[in-house]
C-alpha atoms as a PDB file:
ATOM      1  CA  UNK A   1    -138.286   7.590 -14.690  1.00  0.00           C
ATOM      2  CA  UNK A   2    -136.621   4.823 -16.616  1.00  0.00           C
ATOM      3  CA  UNK A   3    -133.193   3.765 -15.287  1.00  0.00           C
ATOM      4  CA  UNK A   4    -133.760   5.730 -12.106  1.00  0.00           C
ATOM      5  CA  UNK A   5    -131.805   2.974 -10.393  1.00  0.00           C
ATOM      6  CA  UNK A   6    -128.644   4.109 -12.193  1.00  0.00           C
ATOM      7  CA  UNK A   7    -128.953   7.639 -10.785  1.00  0.00           C
ATOM      8  CA  UNK A   8    -129.467   6.181  -7.286  1.00  0.00           C
ATOM      9  CA  UNK A   9    -126.441   3.926  -7.765  1.00  0.00           C
ATOM     10  CA  UNK A  10    -124.304   6.856  -8.922  1.00  0.00           C
ATOM     11  CA  UNK A  11    -125.327   8.953  -5.914  1.00  0.00           C
ATOM     12  CA  UNK A  12    -124.563   6.094  -3.542  1.00  0.00           C
ATOM     13  CA  UNK A  13    -121.180   5.562  -5.197  1.00  0.00           C
ATOM     14  CA  UNK A  14    -120.353   9.284  -4.808  1.00  0.00           C
ATOM     15  CA  UNK A  15    -121.400   9.245  -1.125  1.00  0.00           C
ATOM     16  CA  UNK A  16    -119.062   6.336  -0.515  1.00  0.00           C
ATOM     17  CA  UNK A  17    -116.225   8.105  -2.293  1.00  0.00           C
ATOM     18  CA  UNK A  18    -116.791  11.243  -0.186  1.00  0.00           C
ATOM     19  CA  UNK A  19    -116.842   9.284   3.055  1.00  0.00           C
ATOM     20  CA  UNK A  20    -113.620   7.490   2.112  1.00  0.00           C
ATOM     21  CA  UNK A  21    -112.029  10.874   1.471  1.00  0.00           C
ATOM     22  CA  UNK A  22    -113.378  12.282   4.750  1.00  0.00           C
ATOM     23  CA  UNK A  23    -112.175   9.237   6.655  1.00  0.00           C
ATOM     24  CA  UNK A  24    -108.690   9.533   5.232  1.00  0.00           C
ATOM     25  CA  UNK A  25    -108.587  13.243   5.938  1.00  0.00           C
ATOM     26  CA  UNK A  26    -109.646  12.626   9.536  1.00  0.00           C
ATOM     27  CA  UNK A  27    -107.101   9.825  10.020  1.00  0.00           C
ATOM     28  CA  UNK A  28    -104.318  12.078   8.651  1.00  0.00           C
ATOM     29  CA  UNK A  29    -105.364  14.809  11.053  1.00  0.00           C
ATOM     30  CA  UNK A  30    -105.429  12.374  13.980  1.00  0.00           C
ATOM     31  CA  UNK A  31    -101.985  11.152  12.977  1.00  0.00           C
ATOM     32  CA  UNK A  32    -100.702  14.735  13.089  1.00  0.00           C
ATOM     33  CA  UNK A  33    -102.107  15.169  16.618  1.00  0.00           C
ATOM     34  CA  UNK A  34    -100.787  11.844  17.913  1.00  0.00           C
ATOM     35  CA  UNK A  35     -97.313  11.605  16.440  1.00  0.00           C
ATOM     36  CA  UNK A  36     -96.890  14.483  14.006  1.00  0.00           C
ATOM     37  CA  UNK A  37     -96.152  18.148  14.141  1.00  0.00           C
ATOM     38  CA  UNK A  38     -99.089  18.826  16.512  1.00  0.00           C
ATOM     39  CA  UNK A  39     -98.205  16.174  19.075  1.00  0.00           C
ATOM     40  CA  UNK A  40     -97.064  18.736  21.644  1.00  0.00           C
ATOM     41  CA  UNK A  41    -100.024  21.073  21.215  1.00  0.00           C
ATOM     42  CA  UNK A  42    -102.670  21.063  23.913  1.00  0.00           C
ATOM     43  CA  UNK A  43    -106.156  20.011  22.828  1.00  0.00           C
ATOM     44  CA  UNK A  44    -109.141  21.970  24.141  1.00  0.00           C
ATOM     45  CA  UNK A  45    -111.968  19.943  25.719  1.00  0.00           C
ATOM     46  CA  UNK A  46    -114.771  20.926  23.326  1.00  0.00           C
ATOM     47  CA  UNK A  47    -112.710  21.310  20.191  1.00  0.00           C
ATOM     48  CA  UNK A  48    -113.268  19.353  17.019  1.00  0.00           C
ATOM     49  CA  UNK A  49    -109.963  17.606  17.591  1.00  0.00           C
ATOM     50  CA  UNK A  50    -111.018  16.259  20.971  1.00  0.00           C
ATOM     51  CA  UNK A  51    -113.739  14.181  19.318  1.00  0.00           C
ATOM     52  CA  UNK A  52    -111.734  13.170  16.255  1.00  0.00           C
ATOM     53  CA  UNK A  53    -111.526   9.491  17.191  1.00  0.00           C
ATOM     54  CA  UNK A  54    -115.296   9.338  17.782  1.00  0.00           C
ATOM     55  CA  UNK A  55    -115.899  11.047  14.416  1.00  0.00           C
ATOM     56  CA  UNK A  56    -113.627   8.544  12.684  1.00  0.00           C
ATOM     57  CA  UNK A  57    -115.669   5.712  14.199  1.00  0.00           C
ATOM     58  CA  UNK A  58    -118.918   7.328  13.047  1.00  0.00           C
ATOM     59  CA  UNK A  59    -117.561   7.780   9.530  1.00  0.00           C
ATOM     60  CA  UNK A  60    -116.380   4.160   9.428  1.00  0.00           C
ATOM     61  CA  UNK A  61    -119.831   2.952  10.577  1.00  0.00           C
ATOM     62  CA  UNK A  62    -121.611   5.070   7.987  1.00  0.00           C
ATOM     63  CA  UNK A  63    -119.208   3.956   5.290  1.00  0.00           C
ATOM     64  CA  UNK A  64    -119.813   0.315   6.201  1.00  0.00           C
ATOM     65  CA  UNK A  65    -123.582   0.867   6.005  1.00  0.00           C
ATOM     66  CA  UNK A  66    -123.353   2.551   2.577  1.00  0.00           C
ATOM     67  CA  UNK A  67    -121.145  -0.230   1.237  1.00  0.00           C
ATOM     68  CA  UNK A  68    -123.740  -2.781   2.378  1.00  0.00           C
ATOM     69  CA  UNK A  69    -126.465  -0.748   0.692  1.00  0.00           C
ATOM     70  CA  UNK A  70    -124.385  -0.638  -2.497  1.00  0.00           C
ATOM     71  CA  UNK A  71    -123.992  -4.443  -2.423  1.00  0.00           C
ATOM     72  CA  UNK A  72    -127.749  -4.870  -1.917  1.00  0.00           C
ATOM     73  CA  UNK A  73    -128.436  -2.456  -4.758  1.00  0.00           C
ATOM     74  CA  UNK A  74    -126.106  -4.422  -7.054  1.00  0.00           C
ATOM     75  CA  UNK A  75    -128.024  -7.597  -6.258  1.00  0.00           C
ATOM     76  CA  UNK A  76    -131.245  -5.838  -7.104  1.00  0.00           C
ATOM     77  CA  UNK A  77    -129.804  -4.410 -10.329  1.00  0.00           C
ATOM     78  CA  UNK A  78    -128.563  -7.866 -11.344  1.00  0.00           C
ATOM     79  CA  UNK A  79    -132.150  -9.146 -11.058  1.00  0.00           C
ATOM     80  CA  UNK A  80    -133.482  -6.662 -13.658  1.00  0.00           C
ATOM     81  CA  UNK A  81    -134.345  -8.159 -17.027  1.00  0.00           C
ATOM     82  CA  UNK A  82    -134.191  -6.724 -20.525  1.00  0.00           C
ATOM     83  CA  UNK A  83    -131.337  -5.979 -22.839  1.00  0.00           C
ATOM     84  CA  UNK A  84    -131.429  -2.234 -22.128  1.00  0.00           C
ATOM     85  CA  UNK A  85    -130.973  -2.809 -18.400  1.00  0.00           C
ATOM     86  CA  UNK A  86    -128.131  -5.213 -19.089  1.00  0.00           C
ATOM     87  CA  UNK A  87    -126.392  -2.713 -21.381  1.00  0.00           C
ATOM     88  CA  UNK A  88    -126.733   0.145 -18.906  1.00  0.00           C
ATOM     89  CA  UNK A  89    -125.560  -1.976 -15.968  1.00  0.00           C
ATOM     90  CA  UNK A  90    -122.549  -3.392 -17.828  1.00  0.00           C
ATOM     91  CA  UNK A  91    -121.576   0.020 -19.260  1.00  0.00           C
ATOM     92  CA  UNK A  92    -122.026   2.290 -16.251  1.00  0.00           C
ATOM     93  CA  UNK A  93    -121.730  -0.059 -13.261  1.00  0.00           C
ATOM     94  CA  UNK A  94    -119.299  -2.707 -14.504  1.00  0.00           C
ATOM     95  CA  UNK A  95    -117.396  -0.221 -16.715  1.00  0.00           C
ATOM     96  CA  UNK A  96    -117.376  -2.575 -19.710  1.00  0.00           C
ATOM     97  CA  UNK A  97    -116.826  -1.471 -23.290  1.00  0.00           C
ATOM     98  CA  UNK A  98    -119.692  -1.789 -25.743  1.00  0.00           C
ATOM     99  CA  UNK A  99    -117.789  -4.485 -27.645  1.00  0.00           C
ATOM    100  CA  UNK A 100    -117.342  -6.526 -24.459  1.00  0.00           C
ATOM    101  CA  UNK A 101    -121.013  -6.053 -23.618  1.00  0.00           C
ATOM    102  CA  UNK A 102    -122.011  -7.317 -27.071  1.00  0.00           C
ATOM    103  CA  UNK A 103    -119.890 -10.414 -26.596  1.00  0.00           C
ATOM    104  CA  UNK A 104    -121.301 -10.989 -23.089  1.00  0.00           C
ATOM    105  CA  UNK A 105    -124.991 -10.639 -24.035  1.00  0.00           C
ATOM    106  CA  UNK A 106    -124.690 -12.434 -27.383  1.00  0.00           C
ATOM    107  CA  UNK A 107    -125.719  -9.544 -29.637  1.00  0.00           C
ATOM    108  CA  UNK A 108    -123.725  -7.901 -32.416  1.00  0.00           C
ATOM    109  CA  UNK A 109    -121.572  -4.899 -31.571  1.00  0.00           C
ATOM    110  CA  UNK A 110    -123.557  -2.711 -33.952  1.00  0.00           C
ATOM    111  CA  UNK A 111    -126.846  -3.634 -32.237  1.00  0.00           C
ATOM    112  CA  UNK A 112    -125.433  -2.899 -28.778  1.00  0.00           C
ATOM    113  CA  UNK A 113    -124.001   0.429 -29.992  1.00  0.00           C
ATOM    114  CA  UNK A 114    -127.385   1.325 -31.509  1.00  0.00           C
ATOM    115  CA  UNK A 115    -129.294   0.399 -28.297  1.00  0.00           C
ATOM    116  CA  UNK A 116    -126.780   2.341 -26.230  1.00  0.00           C
ATOM    117  CA  UNK A 117    -127.145   5.427 -28.445  1.00  0.00           C
ATOM    118  CA  UNK A 118    -130.925   5.264 -28.081  1.00  0.00           C
ATOM    119  CA  UNK A 119    -130.654   4.850 -24.320  1.00  0.00           C
ATOM    120  CA  UNK A 120    -128.278   7.838 -24.075  1.00  0.00           C
ATOM    121  CA  UNK A 121    -130.771  10.068 -25.883  1.00  0.00           C
ATOM    122  CA  UNK A 122    -133.256   9.492 -23.076  1.00  0.00           C
ATOM    123  CA  UNK A 123    -130.770   9.836 -20.222  1.00  0.00           C
ATOM    124  CA  UNK A 124    -129.228  13.287 -20.174  1.00  0.00           C
ATOM    125  CA  UNK A 125    -127.550  12.687 -16.805  1.00  0.00           C
ATOM    126  CA  UNK A 126    -125.193  10.113 -18.386  1.00  0.00           C
ATOM    127  CA  UNK A 127    -123.090  12.852 -20.010  1.00  0.00           C
ATOM    128  CA  UNK A 128    -122.472  14.447 -16.651  1.00  0.00           C
ATOM    129  CA  UNK A 129    -121.729  11.055 -15.101  1.00  0.00           C
ATOM    130  CA  UNK A 130    -119.127  10.150 -17.694  1.00  0.00           C
ATOM    131  CA  UNK A 131    -117.513  13.568 -17.307  1.00  0.00           C
ATOM    132  CA  UNK A 132    -117.182  13.052 -13.543  1.00  0.00           C
ATOM    133  CA  UNK A 133    -115.928   9.482 -13.912  1.00  0.00           C
ATOM    134  CA  UNK A 134    -112.342  10.585 -14.619  1.00  0.00           C
ATOM    135  CA  UNK A 135    -112.359  12.897 -11.575  1.00  0.00           C
ATOM    136  CA  UNK A 136    -113.746  10.103  -9.442  1.00  0.00           C
ATOM    137  CA  UNK A 137    -111.031   7.703 -10.576  1.00  0.00           C
ATOM    138  CA  UNK A 138    -108.348  10.274  -9.690  1.00  0.00           C
ATOM    139  CA  UNK A 139    -109.840  10.743  -6.222  1.00  0.00           C
ATOM    140  CA  UNK A 140    -110.043   6.993  -5.656  1.00  0.00           C
ATOM    141  CA  UNK A 141    -106.359   6.686  -6.530  1.00  0.00           C
ATOM    142  CA  UNK A 142    -105.518   9.437  -4.035  1.00  0.00           C
ATOM    143  CA  UNK A 143    -107.585   7.701  -1.380  1.00  0.00           C
ATOM    144  CA  UNK A 144    -105.803   4.410  -2.104  1.00  0.00           C
ATOM    145  CA  UNK A 145    -102.478   6.213  -1.657  1.00  0.00           C
ATOM    146  CA  UNK A 146    -103.490   7.465   1.771  1.00  0.00           C
ATOM    147  CA  UNK A 147    -104.801   4.032   2.737  1.00  0.00           C
ATOM    148  CA  UNK A 148    -101.419   2.511   1.946  1.00  0.00           C
ATOM    149  CA  UNK A 149     -98.457   2.737   4.257  1.00  0.00           C
ATOM    150  CA  UNK A 150     -97.189   5.757   2.336  1.00  0.00           C
ATOM    151  CA  UNK A 151     -99.605   8.057   4.166  1.00  0.00           C
ATOM    152  CA  UNK A 152     -97.204   7.938   7.141  1.00  0.00           C
ATOM    153  CA  UNK A 153     -94.638   9.707   4.987  1.00  0.00           C
ATOM    154  CA  UNK A 154     -97.084  12.511   4.293  1.00  0.00           C
ATOM    155  CA  UNK A 155     -98.780  14.377   7.101  1.00  0.00           C
ATOM    156  CA  UNK A 156    -101.097  16.471   4.973  1.00  0.00           C
ATOM    157  CA  UNK A 157    -103.518  16.092   2.090  1.00  0.00           C
ATOM    158  CA  UNK A 158    -101.705  18.884   0.255  1.00  0.00           C
END
């Protein structure tokens, strides 16, 4: 399958986003148990809460591994030749506009738009990806909020 690397990249990107969300959710829960509204509640030995710190460490390790894989994949993607690969990478990985891509690769805007339209005809999963991109951006902004110091003000994801 042509451009299978893009689908793999998208899946890796979504796994990273999910792990970031899960990590933040777990840290918020731990914060509630340590200094929040659940600080005075007794924790059972075999409960999920008793292993929360270990789970956070596992999530952090897995997230680190996936981020390394993403960096390696980007190096591999950068090594691909051909104008179509460049257009797809710049459009869907680097989030560049078609006009900026044309300027970067040295082709006219109309040629890049034409190539992109032909590529899109063969890649039906791009429509779904673009549709989910807005949702992904919203989730990343929420994760950034919880990574900031403001998460201490809020003890819940809701």
